[in-house]
Protein backbone atom coordinates (compact mmCIF):
# COMPACT_ATOMS: atom_id res chain seq x y z
CA MET A 1 -5.96 -41.64 -44.96
CA ILE A 2 -7.63 -43.58 -41.93
CA ALA A 3 -4.12 -44.12 -40.15
CA THR A 4 -3.90 -39.90 -40.64
CA ILE A 5 -7.30 -39.69 -39.14
CA ALA A 6 -6.77 -41.74 -36.26
CA ALA A 7 -3.38 -40.19 -35.33
CA PHE A 8 -5.23 -36.98 -35.56
CA LEU A 9 -7.71 -37.90 -32.98
CA ALA A 10 -5.37 -39.68 -30.74
CA VAL A 11 -3.57 -36.42 -30.56
CA GLY A 12 -6.75 -34.74 -29.70
CA SER A 13 -7.64 -36.97 -27.09
CA LYS A 14 -4.52 -36.03 -25.20
CA PRO A 15 -5.84 -33.46 -22.29
CA LEU A 16 -4.94 -30.25 -22.24
CA THR A 17 -2.27 -29.10 -19.56
CA ALA A 18 -3.96 -25.85 -17.77
CA ALA A 19 -1.84 -22.68 -17.54
CA PRO A 20 -0.09 -22.58 -14.17
CA ALA A 21 -2.04 -20.54 -12.44
CA GLU A 22 -0.69 -16.61 -11.42
CA ARG A 23 1.02 -16.46 -7.94
CA PRO A 24 -0.58 -13.83 -5.98
CA VAL A 25 1.26 -10.64 -5.57
CA THR A 26 1.51 -10.10 -1.45
CA ILE A 27 1.34 -6.53 -0.59
CA VAL A 28 1.55 -5.59 3.34
CA ALA A 29 -0.38 -2.50 4.43
CA PHE A 30 2.42 -1.04 6.68
CA GLY A 31 1.04 1.96 8.47
CA ASP A 32 -1.06 3.58 11.96
CA SER A 33 -4.52 3.69 12.73
CA LEU A 34 -5.58 4.72 8.80
CA THR A 35 -4.30 1.13 7.93
CA ALA A 36 -5.40 -0.51 11.04
CA GLY A 37 -9.02 0.47 10.38
CA PHE A 38 -9.54 2.06 13.88
CA GLY A 39 -13.02 2.21 14.97
CA LEU A 40 -13.96 -0.37 12.03
CA PRO A 41 -14.55 -4.19 11.46
CA ALA A 42 -11.33 -6.11 10.14
CA ASN A 43 -13.37 -6.28 6.47
CA GLU A 44 -13.96 -2.38 6.51
CA ALA A 45 -10.11 -1.75 6.85
CA PHE A 46 -8.38 0.01 4.02
CA PRO A 47 -6.19 -3.49 3.39
CA ALA A 48 -9.13 -5.55 3.29
CA LYS A 49 -11.15 -3.20 1.03
CA LEU A 50 -7.92 -2.63 -1.31
CA GLU A 51 -7.60 -6.17 -1.59
CA ALA A 52 -11.33 -6.91 -2.61
CA ALA A 53 -11.15 -3.79 -5.13
CA LEU A 54 -8.05 -5.27 -6.81
CA LYS A 55 -9.60 -8.96 -7.28
CA ALA A 56 -12.45 -7.46 -8.78
CA LYS A 57 -10.40 -5.95 -11.17
CA GLY A 58 -8.98 -9.45 -12.25
CA HIS A 59 -5.20 -9.11 -9.94
CA ALA A 60 -4.15 -11.74 -8.01
CA VAL A 61 -3.17 -10.63 -4.40
CA ALA A 62 -3.01 -11.04 -0.50
CA LEU A 63 -3.02 -8.15 1.19
CA VAL A 64 -1.48 -8.20 4.70
CA ASN A 65 -2.84 -5.63 7.51
CA ALA A 66 -0.07 -4.43 9.42
CA GLY A 67 -0.76 -1.08 10.63
CA VAL A 68 -0.65 0.01 14.29
CA SER A 69 -2.71 2.43 15.48
CA GLY A 70 -0.68 5.24 17.17
CA ASP A 71 2.44 4.21 15.13
CA THR A 72 5.24 7.23 14.32
CA ALA A 73 7.47 6.86 11.50
CA THR A 74 10.31 5.86 14.24
CA GLY A 75 7.95 2.95 15.80
CA GLY A 76 7.10 1.41 12.06
CA LEU A 77 11.03 1.60 11.74
CA ALA A 78 11.71 -0.14 14.73
CA ARG A 79 9.17 -2.92 13.65
CA LEU A 80 10.18 -2.94 10.25
CA ASP A 81 11.60 -6.21 9.94
CA TRP A 82 9.24 -8.16 11.64
CA SER A 83 5.85 -6.78 10.01
CA VAL A 84 7.39 -6.98 7.17
CA PRO A 85 8.70 -10.53 6.69
CA GLU A 86 10.26 -12.91 3.84
CA GLY A 87 8.39 -13.29 0.44
CA THR A 88 6.82 -10.16 0.75
CA ASP A 89 6.49 -8.51 -2.94
CA ALA A 90 5.60 -5.45 -2.08
CA VAL A 91 4.74 -2.60 0.55
CA ILE A 92 2.40 0.22 0.93
CA VAL A 93 3.94 2.63 3.35
CA GLU A 94 1.75 4.98 5.30
CA LEU A 95 3.18 6.67 8.20
CA GLY A 96 3.36 9.82 9.45
CA ALA A 97 0.40 11.48 10.33
CA ASN A 98 1.19 10.60 14.20
CA ASP A 99 4.22 12.55 14.25
CA MET A 100 2.76 15.41 12.74
CA LEU A 101 -0.29 15.76 15.02
CA ARG A 102 2.39 15.33 17.85
CA GLY A 103 4.46 17.88 16.26
CA ILE A 104 7.58 15.77 16.08
CA ASP A 105 10.53 17.25 14.15
CA PRO A 106 10.00 16.58 10.19
CA ALA A 107 13.84 16.05 10.29
CA ILE A 108 13.09 12.83 12.71
CA THR A 109 10.07 12.07 10.62
CA ARG A 110 12.04 12.23 7.50
CA ARG A 111 14.74 9.58 8.82
CA ALA A 112 12.63 7.17 9.74
CA LEU A 113 10.85 6.79 6.52
CA GLU A 114 13.70 7.33 4.47
CA GLU A 115 15.35 4.68 6.54
CA ILE A 116 12.19 2.25 5.87
CA VAL A 117 12.23 2.90 2.22
CA ARG A 118 15.97 2.22 1.89
CA ARG A 119 15.88 -1.30 3.68
CA LEU A 120 12.58 -1.92 1.90
CA THR A 121 14.48 -1.54 -1.78
CA GLU A 122 17.80 -2.89 -0.59
CA ARG A 123 15.32 -6.29 -0.24
CA ARG A 124 14.23 -5.58 -3.88
CA ILE A 125 10.44 -5.06 -2.63
CA THR A 126 8.43 -2.67 -4.66
CA VAL A 127 7.40 0.55 -2.47
CA LEU A 128 4.45 3.08 -2.55
CA LEU A 129 4.97 5.78 -0.55
CA ALA A 130 1.99 7.20 0.54
CA GLY A 131 1.92 10.82 1.74
CA MET A 132 0.42 12.67 4.51
CA ARG A 133 -0.54 16.52 4.99
CA ALA A 134 0.06 18.72 7.70
CA ILE A 135 -2.48 21.22 9.36
CA PRO A 136 -2.14 24.60 8.69
CA ASN A 137 -1.55 25.54 12.28
CA LEU A 138 1.48 24.18 12.86
CA GLY A 139 2.94 26.80 10.90
CA ILE A 140 4.20 27.37 7.46
CA THR A 141 7.79 26.39 8.17
CA TYR A 142 6.45 23.09 9.76
CA VAL A 143 4.00 22.89 6.97
CA ARG A 144 6.62 22.83 4.49
CA GLY A 145 9.30 21.13 6.09
CA PHE A 146 6.74 18.02 6.84
CA GLU A 147 4.78 17.99 3.47
CA SER A 148 8.10 17.84 1.53
CA ILE A 149 9.34 14.49 3.10
CA TYR A 150 7.20 12.29 1.10
CA GLY A 151 8.06 13.25 -2.50
CA GLU A 152 11.80 14.11 -1.72
CA ILE A 153 12.61 10.58 -0.67
CA ALA A 154 10.27 8.75 -3.38
CA ALA A 155 12.21 10.85 -5.92
CA LYS A 156 15.31 9.90 -4.02
CA TYR A 157 14.77 5.78 -4.19
CA ASP A 158 12.59 5.67 -7.14
CA VAL A 159 9.43 4.59 -5.43
CA LEU A 160 5.99 5.20 -6.73
CA LEU A 161 4.64 8.43 -4.55
CA TYR A 162 0.72 8.69 -3.87
CA PRO A 163 0.87 12.39 -2.56
CA PHE A 164 -2.28 12.18 0.05
CA PHE A 165 -3.39 9.16 1.73
CA LEU A 166 -6.88 11.33 2.75
CA ASP A 167 -7.50 12.90 -0.48
CA GLY A 168 -10.94 13.72 -0.78
CA ILE A 169 -12.05 12.98 2.67
CA ALA A 170 -9.89 15.24 4.78
CA GLY A 171 -12.03 17.63 6.67
CA GLU A 172 -15.37 15.84 5.41
CA ALA A 173 -17.55 15.13 8.49
CA THR A 174 -19.80 12.92 5.89
CA PHE A 175 -16.67 10.42 5.42
CA ASN A 176 -15.01 10.24 9.17
CA GLN A 177 -15.92 9.24 12.16
CA ARG A 178 -17.02 11.74 15.18
CA ASP A 179 -13.24 12.11 15.75
CA GLY A 180 -13.02 14.06 12.88
CA VAL A 181 -9.42 12.04 11.93
CA HIS A 182 -10.32 8.04 11.23
CA PRO A 183 -12.47 7.50 8.18
CA LEU A 184 -15.34 5.31 8.47
CA ALA A 185 -16.40 2.54 5.45
CA THR A 186 -17.50 5.15 3.13
CA GLY A 187 -14.11 7.29 3.25
CA VAL A 188 -12.37 3.67 3.13
CA ASP A 189 -14.18 3.23 0.03
CA LYS A 190 -12.76 6.69 -1.22
CA ILE A 191 -9.21 6.32 -0.24
CA VAL A 192 -9.62 3.25 -2.03
CA ALA A 193 -11.20 4.68 -5.30
CA GLY A 194 -8.55 7.31 -4.97
CA ILE A 195 -5.15 5.12 -4.68
CA LEU A 196 -5.90 2.02 -6.52
CA PRO A 197 -4.75 3.33 -9.70
CA LYS A 198 -1.26 3.95 -8.03
CA VAL A 199 -1.68 0.12 -6.70
CA GLU A 200 -2.00 -1.28 -9.58
CA GLU A 201 1.08 0.58 -11.28
CA LEU A 202 2.86 -0.90 -7.99
CA LEU A 203 1.19 -4.41 -9.35
CA SER A 204 3.07 -3.83 -12.45
CA ARG A 205 6.18 -2.76 -11.43
CA THR A 206 6.39 -5.63 -8.61
CA ARG A 207 5.11 -8.38 -11.59
CA ASN A 208 8.32 -6.85 -14.23
CA ARG A 209 10.79 -7.08 -11.09
CA ARG A 210 10.14 -10.84 -10.25
CA GLY A 211 9.17 -12.05 -13.70
CA PRO A 212 6.45 -15.24 -13.84
């Protein structure tokens, strides 16, 4: 009996091995000035605030800000390989606003965005495509041609879609800087709150794909 108790105590005294920490999911936020945080401190830009929101919900993540102010979809395609390095798990693609504001042919925007998504999926990187809406004065033909891009690409490549990146803040002076285009920090908070469930879905897909 004494020997049994001693054996039990000996086993119980062995240090427990801690479970290995989950490897953070690296997400590249790949976009234009709306991603880069034009007019805002770095800690108030979309990637920083999104990372904080995800961590507050217990997710192990690392967000990389790969936003370039003024970038078009074609410009994003040109820098894709060095903006999204090896080791990236997921990408949020937020491009097209500058194409629309410059009146670029939607066919050009479509080709560039589709090539971006195609190349990322070929690399087995999980993608969330953030859509953009066109201003009405560009005409119904332009608006339809532009706004159809995002849903059709998402469906073709089976990637996640957040239909309108500026949902809830577009045209709302309270949430935007004086230019009426770029969000204030409060606007970024609203963007993050809106897109957060879709980003959590992105994380789930990413973890399922890569395994433990």
